[in-house]
């Protein structure tokens, strides 16, 4: 994955993390933040299986908390899903 491509995926993950940091503290929020950090590291290292696992976990966590975290978080997750898909990541 080219550096420019990595940057757009990491940027989308960073945007989602910023929104989640403003959400009320919870085990679910900490799980999502942890896996967002892992996703960013995996993207930088071009570790496809780690990207897939982290993306799947984040997607499920955000989907399960959509009512609690609101439309901004859901929109940021959609943007991250789109970036990942645009760069060939399936999960």
N, C-alpha and C. Protein backbone atom coordinates (compact mmCIF):
# COMPACT_ATOMS: atom_id res chain seq x y z
N UNK A 1 0.86 -1.18 0.00
CA UNK A 1 0.00 0.00 0.00
C UNK A 1 0.90 1.24 0.00
N UNK A 2 0.66 2.15 -0.91
CA UNK A 2 1.45 3.37 -1.00
C UNK A 2 1.22 4.25 0.22
N UNK A 3 2.20 5.09 0.52
CA UNK A 3 2.11 5.96 1.70
C UNK A 3 0.88 6.86 1.63
N UNK A 4 0.56 7.42 0.47
CA UNK A 4 -0.61 8.29 0.35
C UNK A 4 -1.88 7.52 0.70
N UNK A 5 -1.97 6.28 0.28
CA UNK A 5 -3.12 5.44 0.59
C UNK A 5 -3.18 5.17 2.08
N UNK A 6 -2.06 4.85 2.68
CA UNK A 6 -2.01 4.62 4.12
C UNK A 6 -2.49 5.85 4.87
N UNK A 7 -2.09 7.01 4.40
CA UNK A 7 -2.44 8.26 5.07
C UNK A 7 -3.94 8.48 5.09
N UNK A 8 -4.64 8.18 3.99
CA UNK A 8 -6.08 8.42 3.96
C UNK A 8 -6.83 7.47 4.89
N UNK A 9 -6.38 6.23 5.00
CA UNK A 9 -7.00 5.27 5.91
C UNK A 9 -6.73 5.68 7.36
N UNK A 10 -5.48 6.04 7.65
CA UNK A 10 -5.12 6.47 9.01
C UNK A 10 -5.88 7.73 9.39
N UNK A 11 -6.05 8.63 8.44
CA UNK A 11 -6.79 9.87 8.70
C UNK A 11 -8.25 9.57 9.06
N UNK A 12 -8.87 8.65 8.33
CA UNK A 12 -10.26 8.27 8.63
C UNK A 12 -10.35 7.63 10.01
N UNK A 13 -9.37 6.80 10.36
CA UNK A 13 -9.35 6.17 11.69
C UNK A 13 -9.14 7.21 12.78
N UNK A 14 -8.30 8.19 12.52
CA UNK A 14 -8.04 9.25 13.48
C UNK A 14 -9.29 10.09 13.72
N UNK A 15 -10.04 10.36 12.68
CA UNK A 15 -11.29 11.12 12.81
C UNK A 15 -12.30 10.37 13.67
N UNK A 16 -12.42 9.07 13.45
CA UNK A 16 -13.33 8.26 14.26
C UNK A 16 -12.87 8.23 15.71
N UNK A 17 -11.57 8.06 15.93
CA UNK A 17 -11.04 8.03 17.30
C UNK A 17 -11.31 9.34 18.03
N UNK A 18 -11.17 10.47 17.34
CA UNK A 18 -11.42 11.77 17.97
C UNK A 18 -12.87 11.87 18.45
N UNK A 19 -13.80 11.39 17.65
CA UNK A 19 -15.21 11.39 18.06
C UNK A 19 -15.44 10.47 19.25
N UNK A 20 -14.82 9.30 19.22
CA UNK A 20 -15.02 8.35 20.31
C UNK A 20 -14.41 8.84 21.63
N UNK A 21 -13.34 9.60 21.54
CA UNK A 21 -12.74 10.13 22.77
C UNK A 21 -13.67 11.09 23.50
N UNK A 22 -14.64 11.64 22.77
CA UNK A 22 -15.63 12.53 23.38
C UNK A 22 -16.86 11.78 23.89
N UNK A 23 -16.95 10.49 23.58
CA UNK A 23 -18.07 9.68 24.06
C UNK A 23 -17.86 9.37 25.54
N UNK A 24 -18.93 9.09 26.27
CA UNK A 24 -18.79 8.73 27.68
C UNK A 24 -17.90 7.50 27.84
N UNK A 25 -17.06 7.49 28.85
CA UNK A 25 -16.18 6.32 29.07
C UNK A 25 -16.99 5.04 29.25
N UNK A 26 -16.53 3.99 28.60
CA UNK A 26 -17.16 2.68 28.74
C UNK A 26 -16.18 1.63 28.24
N UNK A 27 -16.46 0.40 28.57
CA UNK A 27 -15.62 -0.70 28.10
C UNK A 27 -15.67 -0.78 26.57
N UNK A 28 -16.85 -0.55 26.01
CA UNK A 28 -17.02 -0.60 24.56
C UNK A 28 -16.19 0.49 23.88
N UNK A 29 -16.20 1.70 24.44
CA UNK A 29 -15.42 2.80 23.87
C UNK A 29 -13.93 2.47 23.92
N UNK A 30 -13.46 1.95 25.04
CA UNK A 30 -12.04 1.60 25.17
C UNK A 30 -11.64 0.51 24.18
N UNK A 31 -12.54 -0.45 23.96
CA UNK A 31 -12.28 -1.51 22.98
C UNK A 31 -12.13 -0.91 21.59
N UNK A 32 -13.04 -0.02 21.22
CA UNK A 32 -12.97 0.60 19.90
C UNK A 32 -11.69 1.42 19.74
N UNK A 33 -11.34 2.19 20.75
CA UNK A 33 -10.11 3.00 20.67
C UNK A 33 -8.87 2.13 20.57
N UNK A 34 -8.85 1.05 21.33
CA UNK A 34 -7.72 0.11 21.28
C UNK A 34 -7.56 -0.46 19.87
N UNK A 35 -8.67 -0.90 19.29
CA UNK A 35 -8.59 -1.50 17.96
C UNK A 35 -8.35 -0.46 16.86
N UNK A 36 -8.76 0.76 17.06
CA UNK A 36 -8.41 1.82 16.11
C UNK A 36 -6.90 2.05 16.11
N UNK A 37 -6.29 2.02 17.29
CA UNK A 37 -4.83 2.16 17.37
C UNK A 37 -4.15 0.98 16.67
N UNK A 38 -4.66 -0.21 16.89
CA UNK A 38 -4.11 -1.40 16.22
C UNK A 38 -4.29 -1.32 14.71
N UNK A 39 -5.44 -0.81 14.28
CA UNK A 39 -5.70 -0.66 12.84
C UNK A 39 -4.68 0.28 12.22
N UNK A 40 -4.44 1.39 12.87
CA UNK A 40 -3.47 2.36 12.33
C UNK A 40 -2.08 1.75 12.23
N UNK A 41 -1.68 1.00 13.25
CA UNK A 41 -0.37 0.34 13.22
C UNK A 41 -0.31 -0.71 12.12
N UNK A 42 -1.39 -1.47 11.96
CA UNK A 42 -1.41 -2.52 10.93
C UNK A 42 -1.36 -1.92 9.53
N UNK A 43 -2.07 -0.81 9.33
CA UNK A 43 -2.04 -0.14 8.03
C UNK A 43 -0.62 0.35 7.74
N UNK A 44 0.01 0.97 8.71
CA UNK A 44 1.38 1.47 8.51
C UNK A 44 2.35 0.34 8.20
N UNK A 45 2.13 -0.84 8.80
CA UNK A 45 3.02 -1.98 8.59
C UNK A 45 2.60 -2.83 7.39
N UNK A 46 1.50 -2.47 6.73
CA UNK A 46 0.95 -3.24 5.60
C UNK A 46 0.68 -4.70 5.99
N UNK A 47 0.17 -4.89 7.18
CA UNK A 47 -0.16 -6.23 7.68
C UNK A 47 -1.65 -6.47 7.43
N UNK A 48 -1.95 -7.09 6.30
CA UNK A 48 -3.32 -7.21 5.82
C UNK A 48 -4.25 -7.94 6.78
N UNK A 49 -3.79 -9.04 7.37
CA UNK A 49 -4.65 -9.80 8.28
C UNK A 49 -4.95 -9.00 9.55
N UNK A 50 -3.97 -8.26 10.04
CA UNK A 50 -4.20 -7.42 11.23
C UNK A 50 -5.17 -6.28 10.90
N UNK A 51 -5.06 -5.73 9.70
CA UNK A 51 -6.00 -4.69 9.26
C UNK A 51 -7.41 -5.27 9.24
N UNK A 52 -7.57 -6.44 8.65
CA UNK A 52 -8.88 -7.08 8.54
C UNK A 52 -9.49 -7.32 9.92
N UNK A 53 -8.70 -7.87 10.83
CA UNK A 53 -9.22 -8.18 12.17
C UNK A 53 -9.61 -6.91 12.92
N UNK A 54 -8.74 -5.91 12.91
CA UNK A 54 -9.03 -4.66 13.63
C UNK A 54 -10.24 -3.96 13.02
N UNK A 55 -10.31 -3.92 11.70
CA UNK A 55 -11.44 -3.26 11.03
C UNK A 55 -12.75 -3.97 11.35
N UNK A 56 -12.75 -5.28 11.33
CA UNK A 56 -13.94 -6.05 11.65
C UNK A 56 -14.40 -5.74 13.08
N UNK A 57 -13.47 -5.73 14.01
CA UNK A 57 -13.80 -5.50 15.42
C UNK A 57 -14.34 -4.09 15.63
N UNK A 58 -13.70 -3.11 15.02
CA UNK A 58 -14.17 -1.71 15.15
C UNK A 58 -15.56 -1.57 14.54
N UNK A 59 -15.75 -2.12 13.36
CA UNK A 59 -17.04 -2.03 12.69
C UNK A 59 -18.15 -2.62 13.56
N UNK A 60 -17.92 -3.79 14.12
CA UNK A 60 -18.92 -4.44 14.96
C UNK A 60 -19.17 -3.62 16.23
N UNK A 61 -18.13 -3.14 16.84
CA UNK A 61 -18.26 -2.37 18.08
C UNK A 61 -19.06 -1.09 17.84
N UNK A 62 -18.75 -0.40 16.77
CA UNK A 62 -19.48 0.84 16.45
C UNK A 62 -20.93 0.54 16.07
N UNK A 63 -21.12 -0.49 15.29
CA UNK A 63 -22.49 -0.87 14.92
C UNK A 63 -23.33 -1.20 16.16
N UNK A 64 -22.75 -1.94 17.10
CA UNK A 64 -23.46 -2.32 18.31
C UNK A 64 -23.78 -1.12 19.21
N UNK A 65 -23.00 -0.04 19.09
CA UNK A 65 -23.21 1.14 19.93
C UNK A 65 -23.77 2.32 19.16
N UNK A 66 -24.26 2.09 17.97
CA UNK A 66 -24.71 3.19 17.10
C UNK A 66 -25.75 4.08 17.79
N UNK A 67 -26.71 3.50 18.48
CA UNK A 67 -27.75 4.30 19.14
C UNK A 67 -27.15 5.14 20.26
N UNK A 68 -26.18 4.59 20.95
CA UNK A 68 -25.53 5.28 22.07
C UNK A 68 -24.60 6.39 21.59
N UNK A 69 -23.83 6.14 20.53
CA UNK A 69 -22.81 7.08 20.09
C UNK A 69 -23.29 8.08 19.06
N UNK A 70 -24.39 7.83 18.42
CA UNK A 70 -24.99 8.81 17.53
C UNK A 70 -24.52 8.78 16.09
N UNK A 71 -25.14 9.65 15.29
CA UNK A 71 -24.91 9.64 13.84
C UNK A 71 -23.52 10.11 13.42
N UNK A 72 -22.87 10.97 14.20
CA UNK A 72 -21.54 11.43 13.82
C UNK A 72 -20.54 10.28 13.84
N UNK A 73 -20.63 9.45 14.88
CA UNK A 73 -19.73 8.29 14.97
C UNK A 73 -20.06 7.29 13.86
N UNK A 74 -21.35 7.07 13.63
CA UNK A 74 -21.74 6.15 12.55
C UNK A 74 -21.24 6.66 11.20
N UNK A 75 -21.32 7.96 10.97
CA UNK A 75 -20.83 8.55 9.73
C UNK A 75 -19.32 8.41 9.59
N UNK A 76 -18.61 8.60 10.69
CA UNK A 76 -17.15 8.45 10.65
C UNK A 76 -16.76 7.00 10.40
N UNK A 77 -17.55 6.07 10.94
CA UNK A 77 -17.29 4.65 10.68
C UNK A 77 -17.55 4.34 9.22
N UNK A 78 -18.59 4.91 8.66
CA UNK A 78 -18.88 4.71 7.24
C UNK A 78 -17.73 5.24 6.37
N UNK A 79 -17.19 6.39 6.74
CA UNK A 79 -16.05 6.95 6.01
C UNK A 79 -14.84 6.04 6.10
N UNK A 80 -14.60 5.47 7.29
CA UNK A 80 -13.48 4.54 7.45
C UNK A 80 -13.71 3.28 6.63
N UNK A 81 -14.93 2.74 6.67
CA UNK A 81 -15.25 1.57 5.84
C UNK A 81 -15.00 1.86 4.36
N UNK A 82 -15.42 3.03 3.91
CA UNK A 82 -15.23 3.40 2.51
C UNK A 82 -13.75 3.51 2.15
N UNK A 83 -12.96 4.11 3.02
CA UNK A 83 -11.51 4.22 2.76
C UNK A 83 -10.88 2.84 2.70
N UNK A 84 -11.23 1.99 3.65
CA UNK A 84 -10.67 0.64 3.65
C UNK A 84 -11.07 -0.11 2.38
N UNK A 85 -12.33 -0.03 2.00
CA UNK A 85 -12.80 -0.72 0.80
C UNK A 85 -12.14 -0.17 -0.46
N UNK A 86 -11.98 1.14 -0.51
CA UNK A 86 -11.36 1.77 -1.68
C UNK A 86 -9.92 1.31 -1.88
N UNK A 87 -9.31 0.87 -0.80
CA UNK A 87 -7.91 0.45 -0.87
C UNK A 87 -7.75 -1.07 -0.75
N UNK A 88 -8.87 -1.77 -1.03
CA UNK A 88 -8.79 -3.21 -1.16
C UNK A 88 -8.90 -4.01 0.12
N UNK A 89 -9.29 -3.39 1.21
CA UNK A 89 -9.42 -4.11 2.47
C UNK A 89 -10.84 -4.60 2.63
N UNK A 90 -11.00 -5.91 2.79
CA UNK A 90 -12.30 -6.51 3.02
C UNK A 90 -12.32 -7.08 4.42
N UNK A 91 -13.46 -6.93 5.08
CA UNK A 91 -13.60 -7.49 6.42
C UNK A 91 -15.03 -7.87 6.69
